[in-house]
Amino acid sequence: MSTVGDLGNRLRAVCTDLRDAAVDAGSGRQVAISLASTSSVHGWHGLARGLTASAEALGQTSAQLTAAVDEAEQALGKLQVVPARGATSEVSDQLETATVLLLLCRSALEEAGPHLDDARLAAERAEIPVLVVRGRMLGETVIRLRQQIEEIRAGVEAEYREALNLGEAEGDGPSGSTTSGSRRPDGPAAQRSPNSRHLLNRIGRRSPQKNRNTLVLPDVDVSADLQDIQEGRARWNRTTSRYETPGGRTYGVEEPSGTVFPDSGPGFIHLGRHEYHALKHYIQADGDRRKAEEAMTFFPALTESVQRRAYEVFKHHKSFRGE
C-alpha cells in the first residue's frame, strides 16, 4: 500500500520534530528553574514564584510532547508492518491501531497548548523575554505539528476504511460487531469506556483540558451504561449522533476506536477549559485548598469565579477533605 508508505514517511519526519520540541521545552524548564533559584537567593520572591510557575508549565509541556512522541512512534511502527499483500483483516487491524494512536498523539498535543500558554503568561508577568520568545516559538511549533498529525491521521483512517470495505466485500464479515452477543445496536460499535480525562476520580496532571469538558461523577455506573449500549438497550439518535441510555444519559462514540464519551444527563458535569485547569490544581493539591489556590495566583485566567466553579465539582472528588 504505497499511500501507507507515504504516510509513514511523513509521520517519521513529524516524530523527529516532536522529539526536538520536547527537548526544547525541557531546556526551557531548566532555564526557568535556574532563574527562579537565582531570584530566591537575591530575595526576589515574587519573581521566583512566577518563574517557578513558568518552569512547571514548561515541564508539563515537555511531558505532553514526550507522550505525543511515544504515541506517534508506536503509530509509525504499525504503519511500517502493514503488509503490502496478505489478509485484509490484518491490514485493517494495523491501520485501526495506528489511527487510535494518532488520536492519542493529537490529544497530547492539544494538552500541550494550554500549558505553553500558561508558561508564556507567567514569563510575561515575570518579564523574562528569553522565556516569552521560547514559549511563543514552541506554541507555533505545536500548532504546526498538531495540524500535520491530524492530516496523517485522516489519511490513515481513510486507508483503514478502504481496507475494511474490501474485507467485507471479500466475505470477512461485517465490522463493528458487539462483544455481548445480544441484539446489535443501531449506531456505531461502542467498545471502550470513556477516556480517564472524563472520570472525576481519574483525572491526573496530564489529563488534557479542552474548550468543553464533560465529567462523570463517581456514582455513575459507566460500565452499566456501556453494556446497555452494547446489548441494544440504548437508543441511537441519528439526529444528534448519540446513544440515549435507559438512565437518561447520552454518549457519543469516537470512530474507529469505539471509545465512548459522555455528553449529557444525570451525573454529568460540563466545565470550560479554565475551570478544568483549576480543578486539576485542586486535585494535585490532594485536598489542600489553600495550596491549590496559591498555585493558581500565577494564572490570570483562573479567576475567583472559575475557582469557585471548579471547587464545587472538586467536592465530589475522593480527595475532598470537607470545608
Foldseek 3Di string as FASTA:
>chain_A
DVLLVVLLVLLVVLLVLLVVLLVLLLVLLVVLQVVLVVCVVVVVNVLSLLSNQLSVLSNLLSVLSVLLSVLSVVLSVLSVPQDPDDQLVSNLVSLQSSLVSLVSSLLSLLQSQVSLVLNLLSCVVSVPVVSNVSSVVSNVSSVVSSVSSVVSSVSSVVVSVVSQVVCVVVPVDHPQAFPPPADAAPAGRQDAEADLLQELQSNAPSRGFAQKHKHAFPVDDRVVQNVCRRRHVWHQDPVVQWTQHPQGWIWHADPPVNYIDTDDDPRMDMDGRLLSVLLNLCVVVLQPVVNSVVSCVSPVVCDPVSNVVSVVVCCSYPSHDDD
